[in-house]
N, C-alpha and C. Protein backbone atom coordinates (compact mmCIF):
# COMPACT_ATOMS: atom_id res chain seq x y z
N MET A 1 0.82 -1.18 0.00
CA MET A 1 0.00 0.00 0.00
C MET A 1 0.86 1.25 0.00
N ARG A 2 1.91 1.17 0.76
CA ARG A 2 2.80 2.31 0.87
C ARG A 2 3.50 2.60 -0.45
N VAL A 3 3.89 1.53 -1.16
CA VAL A 3 4.55 1.67 -2.45
C VAL A 3 3.59 2.30 -3.45
N LEU A 4 2.32 1.91 -3.41
CA LEU A 4 1.32 2.47 -4.32
C LEU A 4 1.15 3.95 -4.09
N ALA A 5 1.14 4.38 -2.85
CA ALA A 5 1.01 5.81 -2.53
C ALA A 5 2.24 6.57 -3.02
N LEU A 6 3.41 5.99 -2.88
CA LEU A 6 4.64 6.63 -3.34
C LEU A 6 4.63 6.78 -4.86
N VAL A 7 4.20 5.75 -5.57
CA VAL A 7 4.13 5.81 -7.04
C VAL A 7 3.12 6.86 -7.48
N ALA A 8 1.97 6.95 -6.82
CA ALA A 8 0.95 7.95 -7.18
C ALA A 8 1.48 9.36 -6.93
N GLY A 9 2.18 9.57 -5.83
CA GLY A 9 2.74 10.89 -5.54
C GLY A 9 3.79 11.29 -6.57
N LEU A 10 4.63 10.36 -6.95
CA LEU A 10 5.63 10.65 -7.98
C LEU A 10 4.98 10.96 -9.32
N ALA A 11 3.93 10.23 -9.65
CA ALA A 11 3.24 10.46 -10.92
C ALA A 11 2.66 11.87 -10.95
N ILE A 12 2.08 12.33 -9.84
CA ILE A 12 1.51 13.69 -9.79
C ILE A 12 2.61 14.73 -9.95
N VAL A 13 3.75 14.52 -9.26
CA VAL A 13 4.85 15.48 -9.35
C VAL A 13 5.43 15.52 -10.76
N VAL A 14 5.49 14.38 -11.41
CA VAL A 14 6.06 14.33 -12.76
C VAL A 14 5.07 14.84 -13.80
N LEU A 15 3.81 14.47 -13.67
CA LEU A 15 2.82 14.83 -14.70
C LEU A 15 2.33 16.28 -14.59
N ALA A 16 2.36 16.89 -13.44
CA ALA A 16 1.87 18.27 -13.30
C ALA A 16 2.64 19.23 -14.20
N PRO A 17 3.98 19.23 -14.21
CA PRO A 17 4.68 20.13 -15.14
C PRO A 17 4.42 19.75 -16.60
N ALA A 18 4.25 18.45 -16.88
CA ALA A 18 4.00 18.04 -18.26
C ALA A 18 2.69 18.61 -18.76
N PHE A 19 1.64 18.58 -17.92
CA PHE A 19 0.34 19.15 -18.34
C PHE A 19 0.42 20.67 -18.45
N ALA A 20 1.22 21.29 -17.62
CA ALA A 20 1.37 22.75 -17.69
C ALA A 20 2.08 23.15 -18.97
N LEU A 21 3.04 22.34 -19.42
CA LEU A 21 3.78 22.66 -20.64
C LEU A 21 3.06 22.19 -21.90
N ALA A 22 1.96 21.47 -21.77
CA ALA A 22 1.27 20.89 -22.91
C ALA A 22 0.52 21.93 -23.74
N GLY A 23 0.45 23.17 -23.27
CA GLY A 23 -0.25 24.21 -24.03
C GLY A 23 0.47 24.54 -25.32
N ARG A 24 -0.08 25.54 -26.04
CA ARG A 24 0.49 25.92 -27.32
C ARG A 24 1.87 26.54 -27.15
N GLY A 25 2.77 26.20 -28.07
CA GLY A 25 4.09 26.79 -28.10
C GLY A 25 5.09 26.18 -27.14
N HIS A 26 4.69 25.21 -26.42
CA HIS A 26 5.61 24.58 -25.46
C HIS A 26 5.92 23.13 -25.85
N GLY A 27 5.75 22.80 -27.11
CA GLY A 27 5.97 21.42 -27.57
C GLY A 27 7.40 20.95 -27.36
N LEU A 28 8.38 21.81 -27.70
CA LEU A 28 9.78 21.43 -27.54
C LEU A 28 10.16 21.30 -26.06
N ALA A 29 9.66 22.20 -25.24
CA ALA A 29 9.94 22.14 -23.80
C ALA A 29 9.33 20.87 -23.21
N LEU A 30 8.13 20.51 -23.66
CA LEU A 30 7.49 19.29 -23.17
C LEU A 30 8.30 18.05 -23.56
N LEU A 31 8.77 18.04 -24.80
CA LEU A 31 9.56 16.90 -25.27
C LEU A 31 10.85 16.75 -24.46
N VAL A 32 11.56 17.85 -24.21
CA VAL A 32 12.79 17.81 -23.42
C VAL A 32 12.49 17.34 -22.00
N TYR A 33 11.42 17.85 -21.43
CA TYR A 33 11.04 17.46 -20.07
C TYR A 33 10.75 15.96 -20.00
N VAL A 34 9.97 15.45 -20.93
CA VAL A 34 9.61 14.03 -20.93
C VAL A 34 10.86 13.17 -21.12
N LEU A 35 11.78 13.58 -22.00
CA LEU A 35 13.00 12.82 -22.21
C LEU A 35 13.87 12.80 -20.94
N ILE A 36 13.98 13.92 -20.26
CA ILE A 36 14.77 13.97 -19.03
C ILE A 36 14.14 13.09 -17.95
N VAL A 37 12.84 13.15 -17.79
CA VAL A 37 12.15 12.31 -16.80
C VAL A 37 12.31 10.84 -17.16
N ALA A 38 12.21 10.50 -18.45
CA ALA A 38 12.37 9.10 -18.87
C ALA A 38 13.80 8.62 -18.58
N ALA A 39 14.81 9.45 -18.87
CA ALA A 39 16.20 9.07 -18.62
C ALA A 39 16.44 8.88 -17.13
N LEU A 40 15.93 9.78 -16.31
CA LEU A 40 16.10 9.64 -14.86
C LEU A 40 15.38 8.38 -14.35
N SER A 41 14.23 8.11 -14.90
CA SER A 41 13.48 6.91 -14.49
C SER A 41 14.23 5.64 -14.86
N LEU A 42 14.80 5.61 -16.07
CA LEU A 42 15.57 4.44 -16.48
C LEU A 42 16.82 4.26 -15.62
N ALA A 43 17.48 5.36 -15.28
CA ALA A 43 18.66 5.27 -14.42
C ALA A 43 18.28 4.75 -13.04
N PHE A 44 17.16 5.23 -12.51
CA PHE A 44 16.68 4.77 -11.21
C PHE A 44 16.36 3.28 -11.26
N LEU A 45 15.65 2.84 -12.29
CA LEU A 45 15.28 1.43 -12.41
C LEU A 45 16.52 0.54 -12.60
N ALA A 46 17.48 1.01 -13.38
CA ALA A 46 18.70 0.22 -13.58
C ALA A 46 19.47 0.08 -12.27
N ASN A 47 19.49 1.15 -11.48
CA ASN A 47 20.16 1.11 -10.19
C ASN A 47 19.48 0.12 -9.26
N ARG A 48 18.17 0.17 -9.21
CA ARG A 48 17.41 -0.75 -8.35
C ARG A 48 17.60 -2.20 -8.79
N LEU A 49 17.60 -2.41 -10.10
CA LEU A 49 17.76 -3.76 -10.63
C LEU A 49 19.16 -4.30 -10.33
N SER A 50 20.17 -3.46 -10.48
CA SER A 50 21.53 -3.93 -10.20
C SER A 50 21.72 -4.26 -8.72
N ARG A 51 21.02 -3.55 -7.86
CA ARG A 51 21.10 -3.86 -6.43
C ARG A 51 20.35 -5.14 -6.08
N ALA A 52 19.29 -5.42 -6.83
CA ALA A 52 18.47 -6.59 -6.53
C ALA A 52 19.11 -7.88 -7.03
N LEU A 53 19.87 -7.82 -8.12
CA LEU A 53 20.47 -9.03 -8.68
C LEU A 53 21.77 -9.37 -7.95
N PRO A 54 22.08 -10.66 -7.84
CA PRO A 54 23.34 -11.04 -7.19
C PRO A 54 24.53 -10.67 -8.08
N ARG A 55 25.62 -10.27 -7.42
CA ARG A 55 26.83 -9.90 -8.17
C ARG A 55 27.63 -11.16 -8.46
N LYS A 56 28.20 -11.21 -9.64
CA LYS A 56 29.06 -12.31 -10.03
C LYS A 56 30.41 -11.72 -10.43
N ALA A 57 31.45 -12.32 -9.92
CA ALA A 57 32.79 -11.83 -10.24
C ALA A 57 33.08 -12.02 -11.72
N PHE A 58 33.80 -11.11 -12.29
CA PHE A 58 34.20 -11.18 -13.68
C PHE A 58 35.24 -12.28 -13.82
N SER A 59 34.91 -13.35 -14.51
CA SER A 59 35.79 -14.51 -14.51
C SER A 59 36.46 -14.77 -15.84
N TRP A 60 36.28 -13.93 -16.83
CA TRP A 60 36.90 -14.17 -18.12
C TRP A 60 38.35 -13.73 -18.07
N SER A 61 39.21 -14.55 -18.61
CA SER A 61 40.61 -14.16 -18.73
C SER A 61 41.03 -14.44 -20.17
N PRO A 62 41.84 -13.57 -20.73
CA PRO A 62 42.24 -13.77 -22.12
C PRO A 62 43.09 -15.02 -22.26
N PRO A 63 42.98 -15.69 -23.39
CA PRO A 63 43.79 -16.90 -23.57
C PRO A 63 45.27 -16.56 -23.61
N SER A 64 46.08 -17.47 -23.07
CA SER A 64 47.52 -17.25 -23.08
C SER A 64 48.04 -17.42 -24.50
N VAL A 65 49.19 -16.87 -24.73
CA VAL A 65 49.78 -16.93 -26.06
C VAL A 65 50.08 -18.37 -26.45
N THR A 66 50.67 -19.12 -25.55
CA THR A 66 50.97 -20.52 -25.78
C THR A 66 50.19 -21.35 -24.78
N PRO A 67 49.30 -22.23 -25.27
CA PRO A 67 48.59 -23.10 -24.32
C PRO A 67 49.58 -23.91 -23.50
N PRO A 68 49.25 -24.15 -22.21
CA PRO A 68 50.18 -24.88 -21.33
C PRO A 68 50.58 -26.24 -21.87
N GLU A 69 49.66 -26.95 -22.54
CA GLU A 69 50.00 -28.27 -23.04
C GLU A 69 51.10 -28.17 -24.10
N GLU A 70 50.98 -27.20 -25.01
CA GLU A 70 51.98 -27.05 -26.06
C GLU A 70 53.32 -26.66 -25.45
N HIS A 71 53.30 -25.81 -24.42
CA HIS A 71 54.55 -25.39 -23.77
C HIS A 71 55.22 -26.59 -23.11
N SER A 72 54.44 -27.44 -22.44
CA SER A 72 55.00 -28.62 -21.79
C SER A 72 55.57 -29.59 -22.81
N ILE A 73 54.86 -29.76 -23.91
CA ILE A 73 55.33 -30.66 -24.96
C ILE A 73 56.62 -30.13 -25.56
N ALA A 74 56.70 -28.83 -25.77
CA ALA A 74 57.93 -28.24 -26.32
C ALA A 74 59.10 -28.45 -25.37
N GLN A 75 58.85 -28.31 -24.05
CA GLN A 75 59.92 -28.54 -23.08
C GLN A 75 60.37 -29.99 -23.09
N LEU A 76 59.42 -30.92 -23.17
CA LEU A 76 59.77 -32.34 -23.21
C LEU A 76 60.57 -32.67 -24.46
N GLU A 77 60.17 -32.09 -25.60
CA GLU A 77 60.91 -32.34 -26.83
C GLU A 77 62.33 -31.78 -26.74
N LYS A 78 62.48 -30.63 -26.11
CA LYS A 78 63.82 -30.04 -25.93
C LYS A 78 64.69 -30.95 -25.07
N ILE A 79 64.14 -31.48 -24.00
CA ILE A 79 64.89 -32.37 -23.11
C ILE A 79 65.24 -33.66 -23.86
N GLU A 80 64.30 -34.18 -24.63
CA GLU A 80 64.57 -35.40 -25.39
C GLU A 80 65.69 -35.19 -26.40
N ARG A 81 65.68 -34.06 -27.10
CA ARG A 81 66.76 -33.76 -28.06
C ARG A 81 68.10 -33.64 -27.34
N ALA A 82 68.10 -32.99 -26.18
CA ALA A 82 69.35 -32.82 -25.43
C ALA A 82 69.89 -34.16 -24.97
N LEU A 83 69.02 -35.05 -24.51
CA LEU A 83 69.48 -36.36 -24.04
C LEU A 83 69.97 -37.22 -25.21
N THR A 84 69.32 -37.10 -26.34
CA THR A 84 69.77 -37.84 -27.52
C THR A 84 71.14 -37.33 -27.96
N ALA A 85 71.31 -36.03 -27.99
CA ALA A 85 72.59 -35.45 -28.39
C ALA A 85 73.68 -35.75 -27.38
N ALA A 86 73.33 -35.91 -26.12
CA ALA A 86 74.32 -36.21 -25.08
C ALA A 86 75.00 -37.55 -25.32
N ARG A 87 74.36 -38.43 -26.04
CA ARG A 87 74.93 -39.74 -26.32
C ARG A 87 75.97 -39.67 -27.45
N TRP A 88 75.91 -38.62 -28.27
CA TRP A 88 76.83 -38.53 -29.41
C TRP A 88 78.24 -38.22 -28.97
N ASN A 89 78.41 -37.10 -28.26
CA ASN A 89 79.76 -36.73 -27.83
C ASN A 89 79.69 -35.73 -26.68
N GLU A 90 80.84 -35.48 -26.08
CA GLU A 90 80.94 -34.61 -24.91
C GLU A 90 80.52 -33.16 -25.19
N PRO A 91 80.87 -32.56 -26.34
CA PRO A 91 80.42 -31.17 -26.58
C PRO A 91 78.90 -31.04 -26.59
N HIS A 92 78.20 -32.01 -27.14
CA HIS A 92 76.74 -31.95 -27.12
C HIS A 92 76.21 -32.08 -25.69
N LEU A 93 76.85 -32.95 -24.93
CA LEU A 93 76.47 -33.09 -23.52
C LEU A 93 76.68 -31.76 -22.79
N GLN A 94 77.81 -31.12 -23.04
CA GLN A 94 78.15 -29.86 -22.37
C GLN A 94 77.21 -28.73 -22.80
N GLU A 95 76.93 -28.62 -24.09
CA GLU A 95 76.20 -27.47 -24.61
C GLU A 95 74.69 -27.61 -24.50
N LEU A 96 74.18 -28.81 -24.64
CA LEU A 96 72.72 -28.99 -24.67
C LEU A 96 72.14 -29.55 -23.38
N THR A 97 72.78 -30.56 -22.83
CA THR A 97 72.22 -31.24 -21.66
C THR A 97 72.56 -30.52 -20.37
N ARG A 98 73.79 -30.03 -20.25
CA ARG A 98 74.24 -29.40 -19.01
C ARG A 98 73.36 -28.23 -18.56
N PRO A 99 72.96 -27.30 -19.45
CA PRO A 99 72.10 -26.19 -18.98
C PRO A 99 70.77 -26.68 -18.39
N ILE A 100 70.20 -27.70 -19.00
CA ILE A 100 68.92 -28.23 -18.50
C ILE A 100 69.13 -28.88 -17.13
N VAL A 101 70.19 -29.68 -17.01
CA VAL A 101 70.47 -30.36 -15.74
C VAL A 101 70.78 -29.33 -14.65
N ARG A 102 71.57 -28.31 -14.98
CA ARG A 102 71.88 -27.26 -13.99
C ARG A 102 70.61 -26.56 -13.53
N GLU A 103 69.72 -26.29 -14.45
CA GLU A 103 68.46 -25.62 -14.08
C GLU A 103 67.63 -26.49 -13.13
N ILE A 104 67.55 -27.77 -13.43
CA ILE A 104 66.78 -28.68 -12.58
C ILE A 104 67.44 -28.81 -11.21
N VAL A 105 68.76 -29.03 -11.20
CA VAL A 105 69.48 -29.20 -9.94
C VAL A 105 69.37 -27.94 -9.09
N ALA A 106 69.59 -26.78 -9.71
CA ALA A 106 69.54 -25.52 -8.96
C ALA A 106 68.15 -25.30 -8.36
N ALA A 107 67.11 -25.59 -9.13
CA ALA A 107 65.74 -25.39 -8.63
C ALA A 107 65.43 -26.34 -7.47
N ARG A 108 65.82 -27.59 -7.61
CA ARG A 108 65.53 -28.56 -6.55
C ARG A 108 66.35 -28.30 -5.29
N LEU A 109 67.61 -27.91 -5.48
CA LEU A 109 68.42 -27.58 -4.30
C LEU A 109 67.84 -26.37 -3.57
N ARG A 110 67.41 -25.38 -4.33
CA ARG A 110 66.85 -24.17 -3.73
C ARG A 110 65.53 -24.50 -3.02
N ARG A 111 64.68 -25.27 -3.66
CA ARG A 111 63.36 -25.55 -3.10
C ARG A 111 63.41 -26.51 -1.92
N HIS A 112 64.15 -27.59 -2.05
CA HIS A 112 64.11 -28.63 -1.02
C HIS A 112 65.19 -28.49 0.06
N HIS A 113 66.30 -27.81 -0.27
CA HIS A 113 67.41 -27.75 0.68
C HIS A 113 67.86 -26.33 0.99
N ARG A 114 67.27 -25.35 0.29
CA ARG A 114 67.64 -23.93 0.47
C ARG A 114 69.14 -23.71 0.27
N VAL A 115 69.65 -24.32 -0.79
CA VAL A 115 71.07 -24.21 -1.14
C VAL A 115 71.19 -23.65 -2.54
N ASP A 116 72.05 -22.67 -2.71
CA ASP A 116 72.32 -22.09 -4.02
C ASP A 116 73.50 -22.84 -4.64
N LEU A 117 73.30 -23.37 -5.83
CA LEU A 117 74.31 -24.19 -6.49
C LEU A 117 75.60 -23.41 -6.74
N ASP A 118 75.50 -22.17 -7.18
CA ASP A 118 76.69 -21.40 -7.51
C ASP A 118 77.34 -20.75 -6.29
N ARG A 119 76.56 -20.37 -5.31
CA ARG A 119 77.12 -19.70 -4.13
C ARG A 119 77.65 -20.67 -3.08
N SER A 120 77.07 -21.86 -3.01
CA SER A 120 77.49 -22.86 -2.02
C SER A 120 77.75 -24.20 -2.70
N PRO A 121 78.77 -24.27 -3.57
CA PRO A 121 79.01 -25.53 -4.28
C PRO A 121 79.39 -26.69 -3.36
N ASP A 122 80.04 -26.39 -2.24
CA ASP A 122 80.42 -27.47 -1.32
C ASP A 122 79.19 -28.11 -0.68
N ARG A 123 78.23 -27.28 -0.27
CA ARG A 123 76.98 -27.81 0.31
C ARG A 123 76.19 -28.57 -0.75
N ALA A 124 76.17 -28.02 -1.97
CA ALA A 124 75.45 -28.70 -3.05
C ALA A 124 76.09 -30.05 -3.35
N HIS A 125 77.43 -30.11 -3.35
CA HIS A 125 78.14 -31.35 -3.60
C HIS A 125 77.84 -32.37 -2.50
N ALA A 126 77.77 -31.90 -1.26
CA ALA A 126 77.45 -32.80 -0.15
C ALA A 126 76.05 -33.39 -0.31
N ILE A 127 75.12 -32.62 -0.83
CA ILE A 127 73.75 -33.12 -1.01
C ILE A 127 73.67 -34.04 -2.21
N LEU A 128 74.31 -33.66 -3.32
CA LEU A 128 74.22 -34.44 -4.55
C LEU A 128 75.10 -35.68 -4.55
N GLY A 129 76.22 -35.61 -3.84
CA GLY A 129 77.17 -36.71 -3.88
C GLY A 129 78.02 -36.64 -5.14
N ASP A 130 78.72 -37.73 -5.45
CA ASP A 130 79.62 -37.75 -6.60
C ASP A 130 78.98 -38.36 -7.84
N GLY A 131 77.70 -38.29 -7.95
CA GLY A 131 77.00 -38.93 -9.06
C GLY A 131 77.04 -38.13 -10.36
N TYR A 132 76.21 -38.57 -11.29
CA TYR A 132 76.17 -37.95 -12.61
C TYR A 132 75.61 -36.53 -12.55
N ALA A 133 74.65 -36.29 -11.68
CA ALA A 133 74.06 -34.95 -11.58
C ALA A 133 75.12 -33.93 -11.16
N TRP A 134 75.93 -34.28 -10.15
CA TRP A 134 76.99 -33.36 -9.71
C TRP A 134 78.04 -33.21 -10.81
N SER A 135 78.38 -34.29 -11.45
CA SER A 135 79.39 -34.24 -12.50
C SER A 135 79.00 -33.26 -13.60
N LEU A 136 77.74 -33.22 -13.92
CA LEU A 136 77.28 -32.36 -15.02
C LEU A 136 76.91 -30.95 -14.55
N ALA A 137 76.44 -30.81 -13.32
CA ALA A 137 75.93 -29.51 -12.86
C ALA A 137 76.95 -28.68 -12.10
N ARG A 138 78.03 -29.25 -11.70
CA ARG A 138 78.98 -28.51 -10.85
C ARG A 138 79.45 -27.23 -11.55
N PRO A 139 79.62 -26.16 -10.79
CA PRO A 139 79.98 -24.87 -11.38
C PRO A 139 81.36 -24.85 -12.04
N ASP A 140 82.29 -25.66 -11.58
CA ASP A 140 83.64 -25.61 -12.12
C ASP A 140 83.89 -26.62 -13.24
N ARG A 141 82.85 -27.16 -13.82
CA ARG A 141 83.00 -28.14 -14.91
C ARG A 141 83.61 -27.45 -16.13
N GLU A 142 84.66 -28.03 -16.63
CA GLU A 142 85.37 -27.50 -17.80
C GLU A 142 84.85 -28.17 -19.07
N PRO A 143 84.81 -27.42 -20.17
CA PRO A 143 84.44 -28.05 -21.45
C PRO A 143 85.54 -29.03 -21.89
N PRO A 144 85.20 -29.97 -22.73
CA PRO A 144 86.20 -30.96 -23.15
C PRO A 144 87.37 -30.29 -23.89
N VAL A 145 88.57 -30.81 -23.65
CA VAL A 145 89.77 -30.25 -24.28
C VAL A 145 89.78 -30.57 -25.77
N ASP A 146 89.56 -31.82 -26.10
CA ASP A 146 89.52 -32.25 -27.50
C ASP A 146 88.11 -32.73 -27.82
N PRO A 147 87.27 -31.85 -28.37
CA PRO A 147 85.88 -32.21 -28.58
C PRO A 147 85.67 -33.43 -29.48
N SER A 148 86.58 -33.67 -30.39
CA SER A 148 86.36 -34.77 -31.32
C SER A 148 86.59 -36.14 -30.69
N SER A 149 87.44 -36.20 -29.65
CA SER A 149 87.75 -37.50 -29.06
C SER A 149 86.88 -37.84 -27.85
N ALA A 150 86.22 -36.87 -27.28
CA ALA A 150 85.43 -37.12 -26.07
C ALA A 150 84.11 -37.79 -26.44
N ARG A 151 83.82 -38.89 -25.77
CA ARG A 151 82.57 -39.61 -26.05
C ARG A 151 81.42 -39.04 -25.23
N GLY A 152 80.21 -39.27 -25.68
CA GLY A 152 79.04 -38.88 -24.92
C GLY A 152 78.74 -39.90 -23.85
N TRP A 153 77.64 -39.72 -23.17
CA TRP A 153 77.26 -40.65 -22.11
C TRP A 153 76.40 -41.76 -22.70
N SER A 154 76.52 -42.93 -22.13
CA SER A 154 75.72 -44.06 -22.57
C SER A 154 74.27 -43.90 -22.09
N ARG A 155 73.42 -44.74 -22.64
CA ARG A 155 72.01 -44.72 -22.23
C ARG A 155 71.87 -45.02 -20.74
N GLY A 156 72.66 -45.96 -20.25
CA GLY A 156 72.63 -46.31 -18.83
C GLY A 156 73.05 -45.14 -17.95
N GLU A 157 74.09 -44.42 -18.37
CA GLU A 157 74.54 -43.27 -17.60
C GLU A 157 73.47 -42.18 -17.57
N LEU A 158 72.82 -41.96 -18.70
CA LEU A 158 71.75 -40.96 -18.75
C LEU A 158 70.55 -41.37 -17.91
N GLU A 159 70.26 -42.66 -17.90
CA GLU A 159 69.15 -43.14 -17.05
C GLU A 159 69.47 -42.95 -15.57
N ARG A 160 70.71 -43.19 -15.18
CA ARG A 160 71.11 -42.96 -13.79
C ARG A 160 71.05 -41.47 -13.45
N LEU A 161 71.43 -40.61 -14.41
CA LEU A 161 71.31 -39.16 -14.21
C LEU A 161 69.86 -38.79 -13.96
N ILE A 162 68.97 -39.31 -14.75
CA ILE A 162 67.53 -39.02 -14.58
C ILE A 162 67.04 -39.52 -13.24
N ASP A 163 67.48 -40.70 -12.81
CA ASP A 163 67.11 -41.24 -11.51
C ASP A 163 67.60 -40.33 -10.38
N GLU A 164 68.84 -39.84 -10.50
CA GLU A 164 69.39 -38.95 -9.49
C GLU A 164 68.59 -37.64 -9.42
N LEU A 165 68.22 -37.12 -10.57
CA LEU A 165 67.42 -35.87 -10.59
C LEU A 165 66.05 -36.10 -9.96
N GLY A 166 65.47 -37.27 -10.22
CA GLY A 166 64.18 -37.57 -9.64
C GLY A 166 64.25 -37.74 -8.12
N ALA A 167 65.35 -38.27 -7.64
CA ALA A 167 65.52 -38.48 -6.20
C ALA A 167 65.86 -37.19 -5.45
N LEU A 168 66.34 -36.21 -6.18
CA LEU A 168 66.76 -34.96 -5.54
C LEU A 168 65.53 -34.22 -5.09
């Protein structure tokens, strides 16, 4: 009942000036008045409607440039190429496999043991031991003197390296 009385009162307040302007020569003024009242009414209704409806968080996010699956596959292919090349000769092991192994070792040492591979090589060596991971990741590893004569690692050696990285 109260809402009905409020609507009737508003209608009288809005329509009284409209009827007063409805005489001759006031057509443009009446049109402007009606448009302003209509715009204000629509703004009021939109405000009330937005308050009445539940809010939902904006959940759209733009797609990433590279889908995660493709990025993971590219990383796996890079590791596979590096391990294959590591079997050919020592320079391939040094240039392709060593950076990947150093990245893995450094990340695992930092995360699980809070040790920096380059700043604390003695602590890193104590954690890694004298295995293949330390042999390849150690900061003072020198490149092969005669690249043509140095052999790569066997499949068994690479498998043990992978096992060591997994255990780290």
